[in-house]
Amino acid sequence: MKIWVDADACPVVIREILFRAAERTGVELTLVANQPIRIPRSPRISMMQVPSGFDVADNEIVRLLEAGDLVITGDIPLAAEAIEKGGHALNPRGEWYTPESIRQRLNMRDFMDTLRASGVDTGGPAAPGQRERQDFANHLDRFLAKNAPRG
């Protein structure tokens, strides 16, 4: 089991939670981004830089993802592909993407894209607050307690 991070848009505070979790549990953590991202020196934590371009990082995560792996992303189509491939997906706000919820989330995303294309300013999401950071850390800890390799 590995953790893959769609790191271009992942907040620093969430990456720090992930770094500590990887060290604590021994789970391999890979950040995938189209720009260099600073990571701690650790045999468990790596950074993979991919070329710039639309969905290049997402496509690389999907290509490398194995069933049972965890993907950290706010990108709903990436989460849908991860779930389809047998992985798990958690967003940086601590919300799980599930097979039951992903269709609704894709529909809402498409609706918001349509609004933006017609000139409506929908704004962007605010940075995760303390509650979202705590939710993320709690969900991650429970997942790792259940799924991280022992030894």
N, C-alpha and C. Protein backbone atom coordinates (compact mmCIF):
# COMPACT_ATOMS: atom_id res chain seq x y z
N MET A 1 0.85 -1.17 0.00
CA MET A 1 0.00 0.00 0.00
C MET A 1 0.90 1.24 0.00
N LYS A 2 0.57 2.16 -0.91
CA LYS A 2 1.32 3.41 -1.03
C LYS A 2 0.33 4.58 -0.98
N ILE A 3 0.88 5.74 -0.68
CA ILE A 3 0.09 6.97 -0.74
C ILE A 3 0.64 7.82 -1.88
N TRP A 4 -0.25 8.25 -2.76
CA TRP A 4 0.08 9.13 -3.89
C TRP A 4 -0.57 10.48 -3.64
N VAL A 5 0.19 11.55 -3.80
CA VAL A 5 -0.34 12.89 -3.55
C VAL A 5 -0.33 13.70 -4.84
N ASP A 6 -1.49 14.20 -5.22
CA ASP A 6 -1.62 15.16 -6.31
C ASP A 6 -1.14 16.48 -5.71
N ALA A 7 0.17 16.71 -5.80
CA ALA A 7 0.82 17.70 -4.94
C ALA A 7 0.78 19.13 -5.43
N ASP A 8 0.49 19.38 -6.69
CA ASP A 8 0.50 20.76 -7.18
C ASP A 8 -0.45 21.65 -6.39
N ALA A 9 -1.61 21.14 -6.02
CA ALA A 9 -2.59 21.95 -5.31
C ALA A 9 -2.79 21.51 -3.87
N CYS A 10 -1.97 20.62 -3.37
CA CYS A 10 -2.11 20.13 -2.00
C CYS A 10 -1.54 21.16 -1.03
N PRO A 11 -2.33 21.63 -0.07
CA PRO A 11 -1.83 22.63 0.88
C PRO A 11 -0.63 22.11 1.68
N VAL A 12 0.28 23.01 1.98
CA VAL A 12 1.50 22.66 2.72
C VAL A 12 1.16 21.98 4.04
N VAL A 13 0.17 22.48 4.76
CA VAL A 13 -0.18 21.91 6.06
C VAL A 13 -0.63 20.45 5.91
N ILE A 14 -1.28 20.11 4.82
CA ILE A 14 -1.71 18.73 4.57
C ILE A 14 -0.50 17.87 4.22
N ARG A 15 0.41 18.42 3.42
CA ARG A 15 1.65 17.67 3.11
C ARG A 15 2.41 17.36 4.39
N GLU A 16 2.46 18.30 5.32
CA GLU A 16 3.18 18.08 6.58
C GLU A 16 2.54 16.96 7.39
N ILE A 17 1.22 16.90 7.41
CA ILE A 17 0.51 15.79 8.08
C ILE A 17 0.89 14.47 7.42
N LEU A 18 0.95 14.47 6.10
CA LEU A 18 1.31 13.26 5.36
C LEU A 18 2.74 12.84 5.64
N PHE A 19 3.67 13.80 5.71
CA PHE A 19 5.07 13.47 5.99
C PHE A 19 5.18 12.78 7.35
N ARG A 20 4.51 13.33 8.35
CA ARG A 20 4.57 12.73 9.69
C ARG A 20 3.95 11.33 9.69
N ALA A 21 2.85 11.16 8.99
CA ALA A 21 2.18 9.86 8.94
C ALA A 21 3.06 8.82 8.25
N ALA A 22 3.73 9.20 7.17
CA ALA A 22 4.62 8.26 6.46
C ALA A 22 5.76 7.82 7.37
N GLU A 23 6.34 8.75 8.10
CA GLU A 23 7.43 8.41 9.01
C GLU A 23 6.94 7.51 10.15
N ARG A 24 5.78 7.82 10.67
CA ARG A 24 5.23 7.08 11.81
C ARG A 24 4.85 5.65 11.43
N THR A 25 4.29 5.48 10.23
CA THR A 25 3.74 4.17 9.85
C THR A 25 4.65 3.38 8.92
N GLY A 26 5.62 4.05 8.30
CA GLY A 26 6.50 3.37 7.35
C GLY A 26 5.89 3.21 5.97
N VAL A 27 4.76 3.84 5.72
CA VAL A 27 4.11 3.76 4.41
C VAL A 27 4.86 4.64 3.42
N GLU A 28 5.01 4.14 2.21
CA GLU A 28 5.68 4.90 1.15
C GLU A 28 4.75 6.01 0.65
N LEU A 29 5.30 7.23 0.59
CA LEU A 29 4.55 8.43 0.20
C LEU A 29 5.25 9.05 -0.99
N THR A 30 4.50 9.28 -2.07
CA THR A 30 5.06 9.92 -3.26
C THR A 30 4.22 11.13 -3.63
N LEU A 31 4.87 12.29 -3.71
CA LEU A 31 4.22 13.50 -4.18
C LEU A 31 4.49 13.63 -5.67
N VAL A 32 3.45 13.87 -6.44
CA VAL A 32 3.58 14.00 -7.89
C VAL A 32 3.14 15.42 -8.25
N ALA A 33 4.04 16.15 -8.95
CA ALA A 33 3.76 17.55 -9.28
C ALA A 33 4.55 17.94 -10.51
N ASN A 34 4.16 19.04 -11.15
CA ASN A 34 4.90 19.51 -12.32
C ASN A 34 5.92 20.59 -11.95
N GLN A 35 6.12 20.78 -10.67
CA GLN A 35 7.16 21.70 -10.19
C GLN A 35 7.83 21.05 -8.99
N PRO A 36 9.07 21.40 -8.70
CA PRO A 36 9.74 20.78 -7.55
C PRO A 36 9.04 21.17 -6.25
N ILE A 37 8.93 20.21 -5.36
CA ILE A 37 8.33 20.45 -4.04
C ILE A 37 9.32 19.94 -3.00
N ARG A 38 9.55 20.75 -2.00
CA ARG A 38 10.48 20.39 -0.94
C ARG A 38 9.87 19.29 -0.07
N ILE A 39 10.67 18.26 0.16
CA ILE A 39 10.23 17.15 1.00
C ILE A 39 11.32 16.86 2.04
N PRO A 40 10.95 16.25 3.14
CA PRO A 40 11.98 15.89 4.12
C PRO A 40 12.84 14.74 3.60
N ARG A 41 14.05 14.65 4.10
CA ARG A 41 14.91 13.53 3.73
C ARG A 41 14.40 12.30 4.46
N SER A 42 13.95 11.34 3.68
CA SER A 42 13.41 10.11 4.25
C SER A 42 13.39 9.05 3.17
N PRO A 43 13.70 7.82 3.52
CA PRO A 43 13.60 6.75 2.53
C PRO A 43 12.15 6.43 2.16
N ARG A 44 11.21 6.92 2.95
CA ARG A 44 9.79 6.63 2.71
C ARG A 44 9.10 7.69 1.86
N ILE A 45 9.72 8.86 1.73
CA ILE A 45 9.06 10.00 1.07
C ILE A 45 9.82 10.37 -0.18
N SER A 46 9.10 10.46 -1.31
CA SER A 46 9.74 10.86 -2.56
C SER A 46 8.88 11.89 -3.28
N MET A 47 9.53 12.58 -4.21
CA MET A 47 8.86 13.58 -5.03
C MET A 47 9.13 13.24 -6.49
N MET A 48 8.09 13.15 -7.27
CA MET A 48 8.20 12.85 -8.70
C MET A 48 7.74 14.08 -9.48
N GLN A 49 8.67 14.68 -10.21
CA GLN A 49 8.32 15.83 -11.03
C GLN A 49 7.98 15.35 -12.42
N VAL A 50 6.82 15.78 -12.91
CA VAL A 50 6.37 15.42 -14.25
C VAL A 50 6.35 16.69 -15.11
N PRO A 51 6.34 16.54 -16.43
CA PRO A 51 6.27 17.73 -17.29
C PRO A 51 4.97 18.51 -17.06
N SER A 52 5.03 19.81 -17.33
CA SER A 52 3.82 20.63 -17.25
C SER A 52 2.84 20.17 -18.32
N GLY A 53 1.59 20.37 -18.05
CA GLY A 53 0.56 20.01 -19.02
C GLY A 53 -0.70 19.57 -18.32
N PHE A 54 -1.78 19.64 -19.05
CA PHE A 54 -3.09 19.30 -18.52
C PHE A 54 -3.14 17.84 -18.10
N ASP A 55 -3.42 17.59 -16.83
CA ASP A 55 -3.60 16.24 -16.26
C ASP A 55 -2.37 15.34 -16.33
N VAL A 56 -1.18 15.89 -16.56
CA VAL A 56 0.02 15.05 -16.64
C VAL A 56 0.27 14.35 -15.30
N ALA A 57 0.21 15.11 -14.20
CA ALA A 57 0.42 14.51 -12.87
C ALA A 57 -0.68 13.49 -12.56
N ASP A 58 -1.92 13.84 -12.87
CA ASP A 58 -3.03 12.92 -12.62
C ASP A 58 -2.85 11.62 -13.38
N ASN A 59 -2.48 11.73 -14.65
CA ASN A 59 -2.29 10.53 -15.47
C ASN A 59 -1.16 9.66 -14.95
N GLU A 60 -0.11 10.28 -14.43
CA GLU A 60 1.02 9.51 -13.89
C GLU A 60 0.59 8.78 -12.61
N ILE A 61 -0.18 9.44 -11.77
CA ILE A 61 -0.68 8.79 -10.56
C ILE A 61 -1.54 7.58 -10.93
N VAL A 62 -2.46 7.76 -11.86
CA VAL A 62 -3.33 6.66 -12.27
C VAL A 62 -2.51 5.52 -12.87
N ARG A 63 -1.50 5.83 -13.64
CA ARG A 63 -0.67 4.81 -14.27
C ARG A 63 0.05 3.96 -13.21
N LEU A 64 0.53 4.60 -12.14
CA LEU A 64 1.32 3.91 -11.12
C LEU A 64 0.49 3.32 -9.98
N LEU A 65 -0.72 3.79 -9.83
CA LEU A 65 -1.60 3.37 -8.75
C LEU A 65 -1.92 1.88 -8.82
N GLU A 66 -1.87 1.23 -7.68
CA GLU A 66 -2.29 -0.17 -7.58
C GLU A 66 -3.49 -0.26 -6.66
N ALA A 67 -4.28 -1.30 -6.82
CA ALA A 67 -5.46 -1.50 -5.96
C ALA A 67 -5.02 -1.45 -4.50
N GLY A 68 -5.80 -0.74 -3.69
CA GLY A 68 -5.49 -0.61 -2.28
C GLY A 68 -4.70 0.63 -1.93
N ASP A 69 -4.07 1.28 -2.92
CA ASP A 69 -3.31 2.50 -2.67
C ASP A 69 -4.27 3.65 -2.33
N LEU A 70 -3.72 4.67 -1.69
CA LEU A 70 -4.48 5.85 -1.31
C LEU A 70 -4.01 7.04 -2.14
N VAL A 71 -4.95 7.79 -2.70
CA VAL A 71 -4.64 9.01 -3.44
C VAL A 71 -5.20 10.19 -2.66
N ILE A 72 -4.36 11.20 -2.47
CA ILE A 72 -4.77 12.45 -1.82
C ILE A 72 -4.93 13.48 -2.92
N THR A 73 -6.16 13.93 -3.13
CA THR A 73 -6.43 14.87 -4.22
C THR A 73 -7.72 15.63 -4.00
N GLY A 74 -7.76 16.82 -4.51
CA GLY A 74 -9.00 17.59 -4.58
C GLY A 74 -9.60 17.50 -5.97
N ASP A 75 -8.95 16.76 -6.86
CA ASP A 75 -9.38 16.63 -8.26
C ASP A 75 -10.37 15.47 -8.37
N ILE A 76 -11.61 15.79 -8.65
CA ILE A 76 -12.67 14.78 -8.65
C ILE A 76 -12.48 13.74 -9.76
N PRO A 77 -12.14 14.12 -11.00
CA PRO A 77 -11.90 13.09 -12.01
C PRO A 77 -10.76 12.14 -11.64
N LEU A 78 -9.69 12.66 -11.02
CA LEU A 78 -8.60 11.79 -10.57
C LEU A 78 -9.11 10.83 -9.50
N ALA A 79 -9.88 11.33 -8.56
CA ALA A 79 -10.45 10.48 -7.52
C ALA A 79 -11.31 9.38 -8.13
N ALA A 80 -12.11 9.73 -9.14
CA ALA A 80 -12.97 8.74 -9.80
C ALA A 80 -12.13 7.65 -10.45
N GLU A 81 -11.03 8.03 -11.11
CA GLU A 81 -10.16 7.04 -11.75
C GLU A 81 -9.47 6.16 -10.71
N ALA A 82 -9.08 6.76 -9.59
CA ALA A 82 -8.44 5.98 -8.52
C ALA A 82 -9.41 4.94 -7.97
N ILE A 83 -10.63 5.34 -7.72
CA ILE A 83 -11.64 4.42 -7.20
C ILE A 83 -11.92 3.32 -8.22
N GLU A 84 -12.03 3.70 -9.49
CA GLU A 84 -12.29 2.73 -10.55
C GLU A 84 -11.18 1.68 -10.62
N LYS A 85 -9.97 2.08 -10.30
CA LYS A 85 -8.82 1.18 -10.37
C LYS A 85 -8.63 0.38 -9.07
N GLY A 86 -9.52 0.57 -8.09
CA GLY A 86 -9.44 -0.18 -6.85
C GLY A 86 -8.72 0.53 -5.73
N GLY A 87 -8.42 1.82 -5.93
CA GLY A 87 -7.76 2.60 -4.91
C GLY A 87 -8.76 3.32 -4.02
N HIS A 88 -8.22 4.10 -3.10
CA HIS A 88 -9.01 4.93 -2.19
C HIS A 88 -8.64 6.37 -2.47
N ALA A 89 -9.56 7.29 -2.22
CA ALA A 89 -9.28 8.70 -2.47
C ALA A 89 -9.83 9.56 -1.34
N LEU A 90 -8.96 10.43 -0.84
CA LEU A 90 -9.29 11.34 0.26
C LEU A 90 -8.90 12.74 -0.18
N ASN A 91 -9.80 13.71 0.03
CA ASN A 91 -9.42 15.06 -0.35
C ASN A 91 -8.77 15.79 0.82
N PRO A 92 -8.05 16.88 0.54
CA PRO A 92 -7.32 17.58 1.60
C PRO A 92 -8.20 18.18 2.69
N ARG A 93 -9.50 18.14 2.52
CA ARG A 93 -10.42 18.64 3.55
C ARG A 93 -10.92 17.52 4.45
N GLY A 94 -10.42 16.31 4.21
CA GLY A 94 -10.80 15.19 5.06
C GLY A 94 -12.08 14.49 4.64
N GLU A 95 -12.47 14.64 3.38
CA GLU A 95 -13.69 13.99 2.88
C GLU A 95 -13.28 12.84 1.96
N TRP A 96 -13.87 11.68 2.21
CA TRP A 96 -13.61 10.52 1.36
C TRP A 96 -14.42 10.62 0.08
N TYR A 97 -13.81 10.25 -1.01
CA TYR A 97 -14.55 10.02 -2.25
C TYR A 97 -14.90 8.53 -2.22
N THR A 98 -16.13 8.22 -2.49
CA THR A 98 -16.57 6.82 -2.46
C THR A 98 -17.22 6.47 -3.79
N PRO A 99 -17.35 5.17 -4.08
CA PRO A 99 -18.05 4.80 -5.31
C PRO A 99 -19.48 5.36 -5.33
N GLU A 100 -20.08 5.49 -4.15
CA GLU A 100 -21.46 6.01 -4.08
C GLU A 100 -21.52 7.52 -4.29
N SER A 101 -20.50 8.26 -3.87
CA SER A 101 -20.57 9.72 -3.93
C SER A 101 -19.89 10.32 -5.16
N ILE A 102 -19.06 9.56 -5.84
CA ILE A 102 -18.23 10.15 -6.89
C ILE A 102 -19.05 10.64 -8.08
N ARG A 103 -20.11 9.93 -8.45
CA ARG A 103 -20.95 10.36 -9.58
C ARG A 103 -21.57 11.72 -9.30
N GLN A 104 -22.12 11.91 -8.09
CA GLN A 104 -22.72 13.19 -7.72
C GLN A 104 -21.67 14.31 -7.75
N ARG A 105 -20.48 14.01 -7.25
CA ARG A 105 -19.41 15.02 -7.24
C ARG A 105 -18.98 15.38 -8.66
N LEU A 106 -18.91 14.38 -9.55
CA LEU A 106 -18.57 14.66 -10.95
C LEU A 106 -19.64 15.54 -11.59
N ASN A 107 -20.90 15.25 -11.32
CA ASN A 107 -21.99 16.06 -11.88
C ASN A 107 -21.92 17.50 -11.39
N MET A 108 -21.65 17.69 -10.09
CA MET A 108 -21.55 19.05 -9.54
C MET A 108 -20.34 19.77 -10.14
N ARG A 109 -19.24 19.08 -10.30
CA ARG A 109 -18.05 19.67 -10.91
C ARG A 109 -18.36 20.14 -12.33
N ASP A 110 -19.02 19.29 -13.11
CA ASP A 110 -19.38 19.65 -14.48
C ASP A 110 -20.31 20.86 -14.51
N PHE A 111 -21.27 20.90 -13.58
CA PHE A 111 -22.19 22.03 -13.49
C PHE A 111 -21.42 23.32 -13.19
N MET A 112 -20.48 23.28 -12.24
CA MET A 112 -19.70 24.47 -11.90
C MET A 112 -18.82 24.89 -13.08
N ASP A 113 -18.26 23.92 -13.81
CA ASP A 113 -17.48 24.24 -15.01
C ASP A 113 -18.33 24.98 -16.03
N THR A 114 -19.57 24.54 -16.18
CA THR A 114 -20.49 25.19 -17.12
C THR A 114 -20.78 26.62 -16.68
N LEU A 115 -21.00 26.81 -15.38
CA LEU A 115 -21.23 28.17 -14.87
C LEU A 115 -20.03 29.07 -15.14
N ARG A 116 -18.82 28.56 -14.83
CA ARG A 116 -17.60 29.36 -15.06
C ARG A 116 -17.43 29.68 -16.54
N ALA A 117 -17.73 28.73 -17.41
CA ALA A 117 -17.59 28.94 -18.85
C ALA A 117 -18.56 30.01 -19.35
N SER A 118 -19.68 30.17 -18.65
CA SER A 118 -20.65 31.19 -19.06
C SER A 118 -20.38 32.54 -18.41
N GLY A 119 -19.27 32.65 -17.66
CA GLY A 119 -18.87 33.94 -17.11
C GLY A 119 -19.22 34.15 -15.66
N VAL A 120 -19.83 33.17 -15.00
CA VAL A 120 -20.18 33.30 -13.59
C VAL A 120 -18.93 33.07 -12.75
N ASP A 121 -18.65 34.00 -11.84
CA ASP A 121 -17.51 33.84 -10.93
C ASP A 121 -17.96 32.99 -9.75
N THR A 122 -17.51 31.74 -9.74
CA THR A 122 -17.92 30.82 -8.67
C THR A 122 -16.95 30.84 -7.50
N GLY A 123 -15.84 31.57 -7.65
CA GLY A 123 -14.84 31.63 -6.58
C GLY A 123 -14.15 30.27 -6.45
N GLY A 124 -13.19 30.20 -5.61
CA GLY A 124 -12.50 28.94 -5.37
C GLY A 124 -12.68 28.53 -3.93
N PRO A 125 -12.26 27.35 -3.62
CA PRO A 125 -12.40 26.91 -2.23
C PRO A 125 -11.42 27.65 -1.32
N ALA A 126 -11.84 27.89 -0.12
CA ALA A 126 -10.97 28.52 0.87
C ALA A 126 -9.93 27.49 1.32
N ALA A 127 -8.84 27.98 1.88
CA ALA A 127 -7.83 27.07 2.43
C ALA A 127 -8.48 26.24 3.54
N PRO A 128 -8.02 25.00 3.71
CA PRO A 128 -8.61 24.18 4.77
C PRO A 128 -8.41 24.83 6.14
N GLY A 129 -9.50 24.90 6.89
CA GLY A 129 -9.44 25.45 8.24
C GLY A 129 -8.99 24.39 9.23
N GLN A 130 -8.95 24.77 10.50
CA GLN A 130 -8.51 23.84 11.54
C GLN A 130 -9.36 22.58 11.57
N ARG A 131 -10.67 22.72 11.43
CA ARG A 131 -11.56 21.55 11.47
C ARG A 131 -11.26 20.60 10.31
N GLU A 132 -11.08 21.16 9.10
CA GLU A 132 -10.78 20.32 7.94
C GLU A 132 -9.43 19.62 8.09
N ARG A 133 -8.44 20.34 8.61
CA ARG A 133 -7.13 19.72 8.84
C ARG A 133 -7.25 18.57 9.84
N GLN A 134 -8.02 18.77 10.89
CA GLN A 134 -8.22 17.72 11.89
C GLN A 134 -8.98 16.54 11.29
N ASP A 135 -10.02 16.84 10.49
CA ASP A 135 -10.77 15.76 9.82
C ASP A 135 -9.85 14.95 8.92
N PHE A 136 -9.00 15.65 8.16
CA PHE A 136 -8.07 14.97 7.27
C PHE A 136 -7.15 14.05 8.08
N ALA A 137 -6.53 14.60 9.12
CA ALA A 137 -5.60 13.82 9.94
C ALA A 137 -6.28 12.61 10.57
N ASN A 138 -7.50 12.79 11.06
CA ASN A 138 -8.23 11.68 11.69
C ASN A 138 -8.56 10.58 10.68
N HIS A 139 -9.07 10.98 9.50
CA HIS A 139 -9.41 9.98 8.48
C HIS A 139 -8.15 9.25 8.01
N LEU A 140 -7.07 10.00 7.81
CA LEU A 140 -5.82 9.38 7.38
C LEU A 140 -5.32 8.39 8.44
N ASP A 141 -5.33 8.79 9.70
CA ASP A 141 -4.86 7.90 10.77
C ASP A 141 -5.68 6.62 10.83
N ARG A 142 -7.01 6.74 10.75
CA ARG A 142 -7.86 5.54 10.79
C ARG A 142 -7.59 4.63 9.59
N PHE A 143 -7.42 5.24 8.42
CA PHE A 143 -7.15 4.45 7.23
C PHE A 143 -5.82 3.71 7.37
N LEU A 144 -4.79 4.41 7.82
CA LEU A 144 -3.48 3.79 7.94
C LEU A 144 -3.46 2.72 9.03
N ALA A 145 -4.20 2.94 10.12
CA ALA A 145 -4.26 1.92 11.17
C ALA A 145 -4.85 0.63 10.64
N LYS A 146 -5.76 0.75 9.70
CA LYS A 146 -6.42 -0.42 9.12
C LYS A 146 -5.66 -1.03 7.94
N ASN A 147 -4.95 -0.20 7.18
CA ASN A 147 -4.38 -0.65 5.90
C ASN A 147 -2.86 -0.65 5.78
N ALA A 148 -2.17 0.05 6.67
CA ALA A 148 -0.71 0.10 6.56
C ALA A 148 -0.11 -1.25 6.85
N PRO A 149 0.92 -1.63 6.12
CA PRO A 149 1.56 -2.92 6.40
C PRO A 149 2.17 -2.94 7.79
N ARG A 150 2.06 -4.04 8.45
CA ARG A 150 2.63 -4.18 9.80
C ARG A 150 4.05 -4.72 9.67
N GLY A 151 4.90 -4.31 10.54
CA GLY A 151 6.23 -4.89 10.52
C GLY A 151 7.26 -3.89 10.65
